[in-house]
Protein backbone atom coordinates (compact mmCIF):
# COMPACT_ATOMS: atom_id res chain seq x y z
CA UNK A 1 49.80 -2.43 81.64
CA UNK A 2 52.01 -3.47 84.55
CA UNK A 3 51.86 -2.44 88.18
CA UNK A 4 54.00 -2.83 91.24
CA UNK A 5 55.42 -1.05 94.26
CA UNK A 6 58.62 0.86 94.88
CA UNK A 7 60.21 1.36 98.32
CA UNK A 8 60.70 5.02 99.17
CA UNK A 9 61.84 6.17 102.61
CA UNK A 10 60.33 3.16 104.33
CA UNK A 11 57.00 3.41 102.48
CA UNK A 12 55.77 1.21 99.65
CA UNK A 13 54.37 3.37 96.86
CA UNK A 14 52.14 1.81 94.24
CA UNK A 15 52.64 2.56 90.55
CA UNK A 16 51.15 1.55 87.20
CA UNK A 17 53.01 1.68 83.89
CA UNK A 18 52.11 1.43 80.23
CA UNK A 19 54.26 1.22 77.09
CA UNK A 20 57.82 0.14 76.40
CA UNK A 21 60.56 1.42 78.69
CA UNK A 22 62.65 2.39 75.65
CA UNK A 23 60.15 5.14 74.78
CA UNK A 24 60.17 8.67 76.23
CA UNK A 25 59.14 8.61 79.89
CA UNK A 26 55.98 10.36 81.12
CA UNK A 27 55.22 10.64 84.83
CA UNK A 28 51.52 10.93 85.75
CA UNK A 29 50.57 12.27 89.19
CA UNK A 30 46.91 12.34 90.27
CA UNK A 31 44.91 14.82 92.34
CA UNK A 32 44.03 14.91 96.05
CA UNK A 33 41.49 12.11 95.99
CA UNK A 34 43.05 10.06 93.16
CA UNK A 35 45.34 7.10 92.63
CA UNK A 36 47.58 5.83 89.83
CA UNK A 37 44.61 4.03 88.30
CA UNK A 38 42.88 7.36 87.63
CA UNK A 39 44.89 7.37 84.41
CA UNK A 40 43.60 3.97 83.25
CA UNK A 41 41.29 5.44 80.60
CA UNK A 42 43.87 7.91 79.27
CA UNK A 43 47.28 6.24 79.34
CA UNK A 44 46.53 3.34 76.94
CA UNK A 45 45.87 5.86 74.15
CA UNK A 46 49.43 7.19 74.56
CA UNK A 47 51.24 3.92 75.23
CA UNK A 48 52.21 3.37 71.59
CA UNK A 49 54.40 6.50 71.76
CA UNK A 50 55.46 6.84 75.40
CA UNK A 51 56.45 4.90 78.49
CA UNK A 52 53.97 6.17 81.09
CA UNK A 53 54.30 5.70 84.84
CA UNK A 54 51.50 6.74 87.19
CA UNK A 55 52.38 6.97 90.87
CA UNK A 56 49.93 6.69 93.78
CA UNK A 57 50.85 9.28 96.41
CA UNK A 58 51.45 8.23 100.02
CA UNK A 59 48.34 7.59 102.08
CA UNK A 60 46.13 6.79 99.10
CA UNK A 61 44.95 3.67 97.33
CA UNK A 62 47.50 0.87 97.47
CA UNK A 63 50.37 3.10 98.68
CA UNK A 64 51.36 3.02 102.33
CA UNK A 65 50.14 5.69 104.71
CA UNK A 66 52.83 7.63 106.54
CA UNK A 67 52.74 6.48 110.19
CA UNK A 68 54.03 9.89 111.27
CA UNK A 69 51.31 11.76 109.34
CA UNK A 70 53.60 13.72 107.01
CA UNK A 71 51.67 14.85 103.91
CA UNK A 72 53.35 18.01 102.67
CA UNK A 73 54.66 19.03 99.27
CA UNK A 74 58.21 18.43 100.45
CA UNK A 75 57.43 14.79 101.29
CA UNK A 76 55.54 14.26 98.05
CA UNK A 77 58.46 15.73 96.13
CA UNK A 78 61.01 13.50 97.86
CA UNK A 79 58.82 10.47 97.24
CA UNK A 80 58.54 11.27 93.55
CA UNK A 81 62.24 11.93 93.14
CA UNK A 82 63.26 8.70 94.86
CA UNK A 83 60.59 6.66 93.06
CA UNK A 84 61.58 7.96 89.64
CA UNK A 85 65.25 7.34 90.43
CA UNK A 86 64.53 3.75 91.45
CA UNK A 87 62.38 3.21 88.35
CA UNK A 88 65.07 4.57 86.05
CA UNK A 89 63.19 7.68 84.89
CA UNK A 90 66.23 9.90 84.48
CA UNK A 91 64.49 12.20 81.98
CA UNK A 92 60.73 12.62 81.87
CA UNK A 93 57.71 14.72 81.07
CA UNK A 94 55.67 15.50 84.20
CA UNK A 95 51.86 15.52 83.93
CA UNK A 96 50.21 16.67 87.15
CA UNK A 97 46.45 16.87 87.71
CA UNK A 98 45.06 19.16 90.42
CA UNK A 99 47.17 18.40 93.53
CA UNK A 100 49.59 16.60 91.22
CA UNK A 101 50.07 19.86 89.34
CA UNK A 102 50.65 21.78 92.56
CA UNK A 103 53.30 19.24 93.52
CA UNK A 104 54.82 19.46 90.04
CA UNK A 105 55.56 23.19 90.19
CA UNK A 106 58.08 23.15 93.07
CA UNK A 107 59.34 19.74 91.91
CA UNK A 108 60.28 21.04 88.48
CA UNK A 109 61.93 24.10 90.01
CA UNK A 110 64.14 21.83 92.12
CA UNK A 111 64.74 19.11 89.51
CA UNK A 112 64.62 20.98 86.22
CA UNK A 113 67.45 18.89 84.76
CA UNK A 114 65.22 15.81 85.04
CA UNK A 115 62.03 17.26 83.54
CA UNK A 116 61.76 17.93 79.80
CA UNK A 117 58.15 19.09 79.76
CA UNK A 118 55.48 20.04 82.28
CA UNK A 119 51.75 19.58 81.73
CA UNK A 120 49.38 21.03 84.34
CA UNK A 121 45.78 19.81 84.47
CA UNK A 122 42.95 21.41 86.47
CA UNK A 123 44.92 23.80 88.64
CA UNK A 124 44.62 27.55 88.97
CA UNK A 125 44.21 30.42 91.41
CA UNK A 126 40.89 29.01 92.60
CA UNK A 127 38.54 26.11 91.93
CA UNK A 128 35.29 26.76 90.11
CA UNK A 129 31.78 25.36 90.54
CA UNK A 130 30.65 23.86 93.82
CA UNK A 131 33.94 22.30 94.86
CA UNK A 132 35.33 24.90 97.32
CA UNK A 133 32.25 24.76 99.55
CA UNK A 134 29.61 22.07 99.07
CA UNK A 135 31.88 19.47 97.48
CA UNK A 136 34.54 19.47 100.21
CA UNK A 137 31.99 19.90 102.99
CA UNK A 138 30.09 16.91 101.66
CA UNK A 139 33.20 14.78 101.25
CA UNK A 140 34.23 15.49 104.82
CA UNK A 141 30.77 14.48 106.03
CA UNK A 142 30.95 11.19 104.15
CA UNK A 143 29.93 8.00 105.95
CA UNK A 144 32.86 6.01 107.32
CA UNK A 145 31.41 2.85 105.75
CA UNK A 146 28.97 1.91 102.99
CA UNK A 147 26.79 -1.18 102.80
CA UNK A 148 27.47 -1.89 99.11
CA UNK A 149 29.21 -0.60 96.00
CA UNK A 150 25.80 0.58 94.77
CA UNK A 151 25.47 2.72 97.90
CA UNK A 152 28.91 4.19 97.18
CA UNK A 153 27.92 4.96 93.59
CA UNK A 154 24.67 6.63 94.66
CA UNK A 155 26.55 8.76 97.17
CA UNK A 156 29.24 9.80 94.67
CA UNK A 157 26.75 10.68 91.93
CA UNK A 158 25.33 13.54 93.99
CA UNK A 159 28.54 15.55 93.42
CA UNK A 160 29.16 17.36 90.13
CA UNK A 161 32.69 15.93 90.00
CA UNK A 162 31.26 12.42 89.63
CA UNK A 163 27.75 13.05 88.28
CA UNK A 164 28.67 12.74 84.60
CA UNK A 165 31.69 10.48 84.79
CA UNK A 166 31.30 7.33 82.61
CA UNK A 167 30.50 4.09 84.41
CA UNK A 168 33.99 2.74 83.65
CA UNK A 169 35.55 5.78 85.30
CA UNK A 170 33.34 5.59 88.36
CA UNK A 171 34.17 1.90 88.73
CA UNK A 172 37.85 2.89 88.98
CA UNK A 173 37.03 5.50 91.64
CA UNK A 174 35.12 2.94 93.73
CA UNK A 175 37.75 0.24 93.32
CA UNK A 176 40.61 2.56 94.26
CA UNK A 177 38.95 4.53 97.08
CA UNK A 178 37.22 1.75 98.97
CA UNK A 179 38.23 -1.56 100.55
CA UNK A 180 36.14 -4.44 101.93
CA UNK A 181 35.25 -4.12 105.61
CA UNK A 182 33.80 -6.65 108.07
CA UNK A 183 30.19 -7.63 107.51
CA UNK A 184 30.33 -7.23 103.74
CA UNK A 185 30.58 -3.44 103.97
CA UNK A 186 33.12 -1.07 102.41
CA UNK A 187 35.37 1.58 103.96
CA UNK A 188 37.76 4.25 102.69
CA UNK A 189 41.34 3.41 101.68
CA UNK A 190 42.67 6.85 102.70
CA UNK A 191 45.14 6.91 105.57
CA UNK A 192 43.42 8.24 108.70
CA UNK A 193 45.92 11.08 109.12
CA UNK A 194 45.26 12.15 105.53
CA UNK A 195 41.51 12.26 106.19
CA UNK A 196 42.19 14.28 109.34
CA UNK A 197 44.20 16.80 107.33
CA UNK A 198 41.38 17.00 104.79
CA UNK A 199 38.92 17.80 107.56
CA UNK A 200 41.12 20.70 108.72
CA UNK A 201 41.18 22.18 105.22
């Protein structure tokens, strides 16, 4: 596994890659509250056959936030196109999870010559379970800071999305979503404008 950043339109976008670059390219794009490292438990199983690149979308994880607050599909699509161009992914399979799948649909329509295959994960006409109401309402009411990683874990485990996730997966969520804050506490990595947009939705 290697990771780095790529400059796209004045923003530094974080990416992680697995496998040899001579193998078929696979682009992995996470969901709304994900990062490139959300693929850490999946990508290694495919790295003997593919070159996989997972991109962290703007405003999340280790990618820069947009100072002008632009977080629309058109910006995500431009970011992805420029990032894949700079990384030499001239032909690829696009795997998009949740928001990543929603971004993939218009992207493939615009750049069909670049994309060999499209895999959509966890997207549809509507979300099931408790996510449309209680999940998002709870996430928006989240504390701005937590006193420890254990406090973060306890808070996350109350939601069905994270209740049954293996410890290794939850450790990735905590590492990617939260950063150290003064006084030994932890705060969110999301760009403030992105959190504001989430509150509106």
